[in-house]
PDB file of N, CA and C in Angstrom:
ATOM      1  N   MET A   1       4.937   3.866  14.241  1.00  0.00           N
ATOM      2  CA  MET A   1       6.258   4.229  13.782  1.00  0.00           C
ATOM      3  C   MET A   1       6.971   4.941  14.925  1.00  0.00           C
ATOM      4  N   MET A   2       8.149   4.472  15.194  1.00  0.00           N
ATOM      5  CA  MET A   2       8.965   5.079  16.244  1.00  0.00           C
ATOM      6  C   MET A   2       9.706   6.283  15.683  1.00  0.00           C
ATOM      7  N   GLU A   3       9.730   7.375  16.430  1.00  0.00           N
ATOM      8  CA  GLU A   3      10.501   8.555  16.040  1.00  0.00           C
ATOM      9  C   GLU A   3      11.633   8.759  17.032  1.00  0.00           C
ATOM     10  N   ILE A   4      12.794   9.105  16.500  1.00  0.00           N
ATOM     11  CA  ILE A   4      13.957   9.360  17.350  1.00  0.00           C
ATOM     12  C   ILE A   4      14.799  10.453  16.700  1.00  0.00           C
ATOM     13  N   ALA A   5      15.310  11.336  17.517  1.00  0.00           N
ATOM     14  CA  ALA A   5      16.166  12.420  17.014  1.00  0.00           C
ATOM     15  C   ALA A   5      17.465  11.834  16.466  1.00  0.00           C
ATOM     16  N   ILE A   6      17.964  12.443  15.410  1.00  0.00           N
ATOM     17  CA  ILE A   6      19.214  11.977  14.808  1.00  0.00           C
ATOM     18  C   ILE A   6      20.324  11.939  15.845  1.00  0.00           C
ATOM     19  N   SER A   7      20.388  12.954  16.685  1.00  0.00           N
ATOM     20  CA  SER A   7      21.452  13.006  17.698  1.00  0.00           C
ATOM     21  C   SER A   7      21.363  11.818  18.650  1.00  0.00           C
ATOM     22  N   ALA A   8      20.174  11.401  19.017  1.00  0.00           N
ATOM     23  CA  ALA A   8      20.004  10.251  19.914  1.00  0.00           C
ATOM     24  C   ALA A   8      20.218   8.930  19.170  1.00  0.00           C
ATOM     25  N   ALA A   9      19.918   8.920  17.888  1.00  0.00           N
ATOM     26  CA  ALA A   9      20.032   7.696  17.098  1.00  0.00           C
ATOM     27  C   ALA A   9      21.479   7.283  16.861  1.00  0.00           C
ATOM     28  N   ARG A  10      22.389   8.236  16.904  1.00  0.00           N
ATOM     29  CA  ARG A  10      23.803   7.921  16.641  1.00  0.00           C
ATOM     30  C   ARG A  10      24.307   6.787  17.514  1.00  0.00           C
ATOM     31  N   SER A  11      24.013   6.861  18.781  1.00  0.00           N
ATOM     32  CA  SER A  11      24.528   5.851  19.709  1.00  0.00           C
ATOM     33  C   SER A  11      23.739   4.548  19.651  1.00  0.00           C
ATOM     34  N   GLN A  12      22.586   4.556  18.974  1.00  0.00           N
ATOM     35  CA  GLN A  12      21.724   3.372  18.923  1.00  0.00           C
ATOM     36  C   GLN A  12      21.554   2.835  17.511  1.00  0.00           C
ATOM     37  N   LEU A  13      22.372   3.302  16.586  1.00  0.00           N
ATOM     38  CA  LEU A  13      22.147   2.992  15.181  1.00  0.00           C
ATOM     39  C   LEU A  13      22.072   1.488  14.914  1.00  0.00           C
ATOM     40  N   GLY A  14      22.995   0.727  15.453  1.00  0.00           N
ATOM     41  CA  GLY A  14      22.982  -0.717  15.225  1.00  0.00           C
ATOM     42  C   GLY A  14      21.677  -1.353  15.676  1.00  0.00           C
ATOM     43  N   ASP A  15      21.222  -0.992  16.864  1.00  0.00           N
ATOM     44  CA  ASP A  15      19.964  -1.534  17.389  1.00  0.00           C
ATOM     45  C   ASP A  15      18.780  -1.107  16.528  1.00  0.00           C
ATOM     46  N   LEU A  16      18.766   0.152  16.106  1.00  0.00           N
ATOM     47  CA  LEU A  16      17.661   0.652  15.284  1.00  0.00           C
ATOM     48  C   LEU A  16      17.601  -0.069  13.940  1.00  0.00           C
ATOM     49  N   VAL A  17      18.744  -0.282  13.337  1.00  0.00           N
ATOM     50  CA  VAL A  17      18.789  -0.983  12.052  1.00  0.00           C
ATOM     51  C   VAL A  17      18.306  -2.422  12.224  1.00  0.00           C
ATOM     52  N   ARG A  18      18.731  -3.090  13.280  1.00  0.00           N
ATOM     53  CA  ARG A  18      18.276  -4.461  13.516  1.00  0.00           C
ATOM     54  C   ARG A  18      16.771  -4.520  13.748  1.00  0.00           C
ATOM     55  N   ARG A  19      16.236  -3.541  14.487  1.00  0.00           N
ATOM     56  CA  ARG A  19      14.786  -3.500  14.718  1.00  0.00           C
ATOM     57  C   ARG A  19      14.037  -3.343  13.408  1.00  0.00           C
ATOM     58  N   ALA A  20      14.544  -2.502  12.538  1.00  0.00           N
ATOM     59  CA  ALA A  20      13.890  -2.307  11.244  1.00  0.00           C
ATOM     60  C   ALA A  20      14.023  -3.551  10.373  1.00  0.00           C
ATOM     61  N   ALA A  21      15.212  -4.131  10.352  1.00  0.00           N
ATOM     62  CA  ALA A  21      15.468  -5.276   9.481  1.00  0.00           C
ATOM     63  C   ALA A  21      14.733  -6.530   9.928  1.00  0.00           C
ATOM     64  N   HIS A  22      14.744  -6.801  11.220  1.00  0.00           N
ATOM     65  CA  HIS A  22      14.182  -8.070  11.701  1.00  0.00           C
ATOM     66  C   HIS A  22      12.761  -7.936  12.214  1.00  0.00           C
ATOM     67  N   GLY A  23      12.422  -6.787  12.728  1.00  0.00           N
ATOM     68  CA  GLY A  23      11.090  -6.605  13.273  1.00  0.00           C
ATOM     69  C   GLY A  23      10.141  -5.918  12.321  1.00  0.00           C
ATOM     70  N   ARG A  24      10.666  -5.575  11.115  1.00  0.00           N
ATOM     71  CA  ARG A  24       9.860  -4.871  10.116  1.00  0.00           C
ATOM     72  C   ARG A  24       9.235  -3.610  10.693  1.00  0.00           C
ATOM     73  N   GLU A  25       9.956  -2.985  11.615  1.00  0.00           N
ATOM     74  CA  GLU A  25       9.512  -1.737  12.231  1.00  0.00           C
ATOM     75  C   GLU A  25      10.107  -0.567  11.453  1.00  0.00           C
ATOM     76  N   THR A  26       9.312   0.469  11.254  1.00  0.00           N
ATOM     77  CA  THR A  26       9.809   1.671  10.593  1.00  0.00           C
ATOM     78  C   THR A  26      10.276   2.649  11.660  1.00  0.00           C
ATOM     79  N   ILE A  27      11.492   3.138  11.508  1.00  0.00           N
ATOM     80  CA  ILE A  27      12.081   4.088  12.445  1.00  0.00           C
ATOM     81  C   ILE A  27      12.216   5.427  11.726  1.00  0.00           C
ATOM     82  N   ALA A  28      11.623   6.473  12.284  1.00  0.00           N
ATOM     83  CA  ALA A  28      11.717   7.810  11.705  1.00  0.00           C
ATOM     84  C   ALA A  28      12.808   8.583  12.426  1.00  0.00           C
ATOM     85  N   LEU A  29      13.770   9.082  11.665  1.00  0.00           N
ATOM     86  CA  LEU A  29      14.834   9.908  12.220  1.00  0.00           C
ATOM     87  C   LEU A  29      14.414  11.361  12.070  1.00  0.00           C
ATOM     88  N   THR A  30      14.416  12.074  13.177  1.00  0.00           N
ATOM     89  CA  THR A  30      13.958  13.465  13.146  1.00  0.00           C
ATOM     90  C   THR A  30      15.127  14.434  13.300  1.00  0.00           C
ATOM     91  N   ASP A  31      14.960  15.578  12.666  1.00  0.00           N
ATOM     92  CA  ASP A  31      15.933  16.661  12.743  1.00  0.00           C
ATOM     93  C   ASP A  31      15.154  17.914  13.133  1.00  0.00           C
ATOM     94  N   HIS A  32      15.401  18.403  14.324  1.00  0.00           N
ATOM     95  CA  HIS A  32      14.683  19.565  14.856  1.00  0.00           C
ATOM     96  C   HIS A  32      13.166  19.344  14.841  1.00  0.00           C
ATOM     97  N   GLY A  33      12.765  18.118  15.196  1.00  0.00           N
ATOM     98  CA  GLY A  33      11.344  17.795  15.315  1.00  0.00           C
ATOM     99  C   GLY A  33      10.647  17.399  14.034  1.00  0.00           C
ATOM    100  N   HIS A  34      11.346  17.427  12.920  1.00  0.00           N
ATOM    101  CA  HIS A  34      10.752  17.068  11.626  1.00  0.00           C
ATOM    102  C   HIS A  34      11.380  15.776  11.123  1.00  0.00           C
ATOM    103  N   ILE A  35      10.562  14.903  10.572  1.00  0.00           N
ATOM    104  CA  ILE A  35      11.090  13.642  10.045  1.00  0.00           C
ATOM    105  C   ILE A  35      12.000  13.941   8.861  1.00  0.00           C
ATOM    106  N   ALA A  36      13.243  13.472   8.975  1.00  0.00           N
ATOM    107  CA  ALA A  36      14.240  13.709   7.938  1.00  0.00           C
ATOM    108  C   ALA A  36      14.505  12.468   7.093  1.00  0.00           C
ATOM    109  N   ALA A  37      14.331  11.284   7.706  1.00  0.00           N
ATOM    110  CA  ALA A  37      14.614  10.036   6.996  1.00  0.00           C
ATOM    111  C   ALA A  37      13.912   8.893   7.709  1.00  0.00           C
ATOM    112  N   LEU A  38      13.760   7.793   6.980  1.00  0.00           N
ATOM    113  CA  LEU A  38      13.164   6.593   7.553  1.00  0.00           C
ATOM    114  C   LEU A  38      14.144   5.443   7.430  1.00  0.00           C
ATOM    115  N   VAL A  39      14.146   4.583   8.431  1.00  0.00           N
ATOM    116  CA  VAL A  39      14.909   3.348   8.376  1.00  0.00           C
ATOM    117  C   VAL A  39      13.874   2.232   8.272  1.00  0.00           C
ATOM    118  N   VAL A  40      13.884   1.533   7.128  1.00  0.00           N
ATOM    119  CA  VAL A  40      12.940   0.435   6.898  1.00  0.00           C
ATOM    120  C   VAL A  40      13.703  -0.768   6.375  1.00  0.00           C
ATOM    121  N   SER A  41      13.127  -1.937   6.555  1.00  0.00           N
ATOM    122  CA  SER A  41      13.783  -3.142   6.049  1.00  0.00           C
ATOM    123  C   SER A  41      13.655  -3.195   4.531  1.00  0.00           C
ATOM    124  N   PRO A  42      14.594  -3.831   3.877  1.00  0.00           N
ATOM    125  CA  PRO A  42      14.497  -3.975   2.421  1.00  0.00           C
ATOM    126  C   PRO A  42      13.211  -4.701   2.005  1.00  0.00           C
ATOM    127  N   GLN A  43      12.756  -5.643   2.819  1.00  0.00           N
ATOM    128  CA  GLN A  43      11.538  -6.380   2.480  1.00  0.00           C
ATOM    129  C   GLN A  43      10.314  -5.471   2.490  1.00  0.00           C
ATOM    130  N   VAL A  44      10.236  -4.578   3.466  1.00  0.00           N
ATOM    131  CA  VAL A  44       9.115  -3.632   3.523  1.00  0.00           C
ATOM    132  C   VAL A  44       9.134  -2.746   2.281  1.00  0.00           C
ATOM    133  N   LEU A  45      10.294  -2.239   1.919  1.00  0.00           N
ATOM    134  CA  LEU A  45      10.404  -1.398   0.732  1.00  0.00           C
ATOM    135  C   LEU A  45      10.009  -2.178  -0.517  1.00  0.00           C
ATOM    136  N   GLU A  46      10.468  -3.404  -0.631  1.00  0.00           N
ATOM    137  CA  GLU A  46      10.108  -4.237  -1.784  1.00  0.00           C
ATOM    138  C   GLU A  46       8.597  -4.467  -1.835  1.00  0.00           C
ATOM    139  N   ASP A  47       7.981  -4.705  -0.682  1.00  0.00           N
ATOM    140  CA  ASP A  47       6.531  -4.895  -0.639  1.00  0.00           C
ATOM    141  C   ASP A  47       5.804  -3.642  -1.126  1.00  0.00           C
ATOM    142  N   TYR A  48       6.257  -2.466  -0.699  1.00  0.00           N
ATOM    143  CA  TYR A  48       5.661  -1.205  -1.159  1.00  0.00           C
ATOM    144  C   TYR A  48       5.825  -1.039  -2.667  1.00  0.00           C
ATOM    145  N   GLU A  49       7.023  -1.335  -3.165  1.00  0.00           N
ATOM    146  CA  GLU A  49       7.277  -1.185  -4.595  1.00  0.00           C
ATOM    147  C   GLU A  49       6.411  -2.150  -5.405  1.00  0.00           C
ATOM    148  N   ASP A  50       6.266  -3.380  -4.914  1.00  0.00           N
ATOM    149  CA  ASP A  50       5.417  -4.350  -5.599  1.00  0.00           C
ATOM    150  C   ASP A  50       3.959  -3.895  -5.610  1.00  0.00           C
ATOM    151  N   SER A  51       3.487  -3.382  -4.486  1.00  0.00           N
ATOM    152  CA  SER A  51       2.104  -2.893  -4.417  1.00  0.00           C
ATOM    153  C   SER A  51       1.893  -1.729  -5.379  1.00  0.00           C
ATOM    154  N   LEU A  52       2.849  -0.832  -5.430  1.00  0.00           N
ATOM    155  CA  LEU A  52       2.754   0.297  -6.341  1.00  0.00           C
ATOM    156  C   LEU A  52       2.722  -0.175  -7.792  1.00  0.00           C
ATOM    157  N   ALA A  53       3.554  -1.145  -8.123  1.00  0.00           N
ATOM    158  CA  ALA A  53       3.585  -1.668  -9.490  1.00  0.00           C
ATOM    159  C   ALA A  53       2.238  -2.289  -9.866  1.00  0.00           C
ATOM    160  N   VAL A  54       1.633  -3.026  -8.961  1.00  0.00           N
ATOM    161  CA  VAL A  54       0.330  -3.629  -9.229  1.00  0.00           C
ATOM    162  C   VAL A  54      -0.722  -2.552  -9.444  1.00  0.00           C
ATOM    163  N   LEU A  55      -0.717  -1.534  -8.590  1.00  0.00           N
ATOM    164  CA  LEU A  55      -1.691  -0.450  -8.725  1.00  0.00           C
ATOM    165  C   LEU A  55      -1.506   0.310 -10.041  1.00  0.00           C
ATOM    166  N   GLN A  56      -0.257   0.534 -10.430  1.00  0.00           N
ATOM    167  CA  GLN A  56       0.007   1.212 -11.705  1.00  0.00           C
ATOM    168  C   GLN A  56      -0.491   0.367 -12.878  1.00  0.00           C
ATOM    169  N   TYR A  57      -0.272  -0.934 -12.805  1.00  0.00           N
ATOM    170  CA  TYR A  57      -0.748  -1.849 -13.843  1.00  0.00           C
ATOM    171  C   TYR A  57      -2.275  -1.822 -13.909  1.00  0.00           C
ATOM    172  N   GLU A  58      -2.936  -1.901 -12.754  1.00  0.00           N
ATOM    173  CA  GLU A  58      -4.395  -1.892 -12.728  1.00  0.00           C
ATOM    174  C   GLU A  58      -4.948  -0.576 -13.260  1.00  0.00           C
ATOM    175  N   LEU A  59      -4.279   0.529 -12.973  1.00  0.00           N
ATOM    176  CA  LEU A  59      -4.711   1.818 -13.490  1.00  0.00           C
ATOM    177  C   LEU A  59      -4.604   1.851 -15.010  1.00  0.00           C
ATOM    178  N   ARG A  60      -3.487   1.352 -15.537  1.00  0.00           N
ATOM    179  CA  ARG A  60      -3.337   1.302 -17.002  1.00  0.00           C
ATOM    180  C   ARG A  60      -4.405   0.422 -17.627  1.00  0.00           C
ATOM    181  N   GLN A  61      -4.681  -0.717 -16.983  1.00  0.00           N
ATOM    182  CA  GLN A  61      -5.714  -1.619 -17.490  1.00  0.00           C
ATOM    183  C   GLN A  61      -7.077  -0.932 -17.462  1.00  0.00           C
ATOM    184  N   ALA A  62      -7.400  -0.225 -16.390  1.00  0.00           N
ATOM    185  CA  ALA A  62      -8.681   0.461 -16.268  1.00  0.00           C
ATOM    186  C   ALA A  62      -8.821   1.547 -17.329  1.00  0.00           C
ATOM    187  N   ARG A  63      -7.714   2.150 -17.692  1.00  0.00           N
ATOM    188  CA  ARG A  63      -7.731   3.192 -18.733  1.00  0.00           C
ATOM    189  C   ARG A  63      -7.706   2.603 -20.143  1.00  0.00           C
ATOM    190  N   GLY A  64      -7.571   1.281 -20.234  1.00  0.00           N
ATOM    191  CA  GLY A  64      -7.526   0.628 -21.534  1.00  0.00           C
ATOM    192  C   GLY A  64      -6.183   0.718 -22.211  1.00  0.00           C
ATOM    193  N   ASP A  65      -5.159   1.058 -21.465  1.00  0.00           N
ATOM    194  CA  ASP A  65      -3.808   1.192 -22.012  1.00  0.00           C
ATOM    195  C   ASP A  65      -3.048  -0.104 -21.765  1.00  0.00           C
ATOM    196  N   ASP A  66      -3.009  -0.957 -22.790  1.00  0.00           N
ATOM    197  CA  ASP A  66      -2.261  -2.202 -22.640  1.00  0.00           C
ATOM    198  C   ASP A  66      -1.002  -2.199 -23.509  1.00  0.00           C
ATOM    199  N   SER A  67      -0.620  -1.006 -23.973  1.00  0.00           N
ATOM    200  CA  SER A  67       0.560  -0.902 -24.823  1.00  0.00           C
ATOM    201  C   SER A  67       1.860  -0.821 -24.028  1.00  0.00           C
ATOM    202  N   GLY A  68       1.746  -0.480 -22.759  1.00  0.00           N
ATOM    203  CA  GLY A  68       2.954  -0.307 -21.942  1.00  0.00           C
ATOM    204  C   GLY A  68       3.617  -1.624 -21.603  1.00  0.00           C
ATOM    205  N   ARG A  69       4.938  -1.593 -21.574  1.00  0.00           N
ATOM    206  CA  ARG A  69       5.679  -2.784 -21.170  1.00  0.00           C
ATOM    207  C   ARG A  69       5.613  -2.924 -19.669  1.00  0.00           C
ATOM    208  N   LYS A  70       5.754  -4.120 -19.200  1.00  0.00           N
ATOM    209  CA  LYS A  70       5.711  -4.412 -17.774  1.00  0.00           C
ATOM    210  C   LYS A  70       7.134  -4.448 -17.222  1.00  0.00           C
ATOM    211  N   SER A  71       7.302  -3.860 -16.065  1.00  0.00           N
ATOM    212  CA  SER A  71       8.608  -3.920 -15.407  1.00  0.00           C
ATOM    213  C   SER A  71       8.726  -5.250 -14.668  1.00  0.00           C
ATOM    214  N   LEU A  72       9.934  -5.574 -14.265  1.00  0.00           N
ATOM    215  CA  LEU A  72      10.152  -6.791 -13.493  1.00  0.00           C
ATOM    216  C   LEU A  72       9.327  -6.768 -12.216  1.00  0.00           C
ATOM    217  N   ALA A  73       9.262  -5.623 -11.562  1.00  0.00           N
ATOM    218  CA  ALA A  73       8.479  -5.509 -10.326  1.00  0.00           C
ATOM    219  C   ALA A  73       7.006  -5.780 -10.594  1.00  0.00           C
ATOM    220  N   GLU A  74       6.499  -5.299 -11.740  1.00  0.00           N
ATOM    221  CA  GLU A  74       5.096  -5.527 -12.080  1.00  0.00           C
ATOM    222  C   GLU A  74       4.826  -7.002 -12.316  1.00  0.00           C
ATOM    223  N   VAL A  75       5.696  -7.646 -13.038  1.00  0.00           N
ATOM    224  CA  VAL A  75       5.518  -9.073 -13.317  1.00  0.00           C
ATOM    225  C   VAL A  75       5.597  -9.874 -12.023  1.00  0.00           C
ATOM    226  N   ARG A  76       6.575  -9.550 -11.187  1.00  0.00           N
ATOM    227  CA  ARG A  76       6.719 -10.242  -9.903  1.00  0.00           C
ATOM    228  C   ARG A  76       5.466 -10.054  -9.055  1.00  0.00           C
ATOM    229  N   ALA A  77       4.963  -8.834  -9.016  1.00  0.00           N
ATOM    230  CA  ALA A  77       3.776  -8.555  -8.215  1.00  0.00           C
ATOM    231  C   ALA A  77       2.560  -9.303  -8.750  1.00  0.00           C
ATOM    232  N   MET A  78       2.423  -9.348 -10.064  1.00  0.00           N
ATOM    233  CA  MET A  78       1.289 -10.081 -10.626  1.00  0.00           C
ATOM    234  C   MET A  78       1.391 -11.567 -10.315  1.00  0.00           C
ATOM    235  N   LEU A  79       2.590 -12.125 -10.413  1.00  0.00           N
ATOM    236  CA  LEU A  79       2.779 -13.549 -10.102  1.00  0.00           C
ATOM    237  C   LEU A  79       2.497 -13.814  -8.619  1.00  0.00           C
ATOM    238  N   ASP A  80       2.965 -12.927  -7.753  1.00  0.00           N
ATOM    239  CA  ASP A  80       2.703 -13.086  -6.313  1.00  0.00           C
ATOM    240  C   ASP A  80       1.213 -13.014  -6.025  1.00  0.00           C
ATOM    241  N   ALA A  81       0.509 -12.106  -6.698  1.00  0.00           N
ATOM    242  CA  ALA A  81      -0.929 -11.977  -6.491  1.00  0.00           C
ATOM    243  C   ALA A  81      -1.648 -13.230  -6.962  1.00  0.00           C
ATOM    244  N   ASP A  82      -1.228 -13.792  -8.099  1.00  0.00           N
ATOM    245  CA  ASP A  82      -1.844 -15.023  -8.601  1.00  0.00           C
ATOM    246  C   ASP A  82      -1.581 -16.189  -7.660  1.00  0.00           C
ATOM    247  N   ASN A  83      -0.378 -16.260  -7.093  1.00  0.00           N
ATOM    248  CA  ASN A  83      -0.034 -17.352  -6.180  1.00  0.00           C
ATOM    249  C   ASN A  83      -0.796 -17.249  -4.866  1.00  0.00           C
ATOM    250  N   ALA A  84      -1.115 -16.019  -4.456  1.00  0.00           N
ATOM    251  CA  ALA A  84      -1.840 -15.819  -3.197  1.00  0.00           C
ATOM    252  C   ALA A  84      -3.313 -16.147  -3.340  1.00  0.00           C
ATOM    253  N   ALA A  85      -3.814 -16.083  -4.549  1.00  0.00           N
ATOM    254  CA  ALA A  85      -5.262 -16.316  -4.781  1.00  0.00           C
ATOM    255  C   ALA A  85      -5.619 -17.772  -4.766  1.00  0.00           C
TER     256      ALA A  85
END
């Protein structure tokens, strides 16, 4: 993960956004040496959300809780997992 100070990122914002969007690179924006925000592609975020939904579903299944409704992200993730298998 690349880290860059917010002050330095101002002049490079377009390039940083393109790197995140097309290269799937995560860019950490720092403020006084501490990470303040991340620039990530929408696809990376969607992948994380799908993985989280699958893990939440598996946890509910392991606990024997099948009463919960499935979110769209959960259904999408389950279908993607079935297609990959």
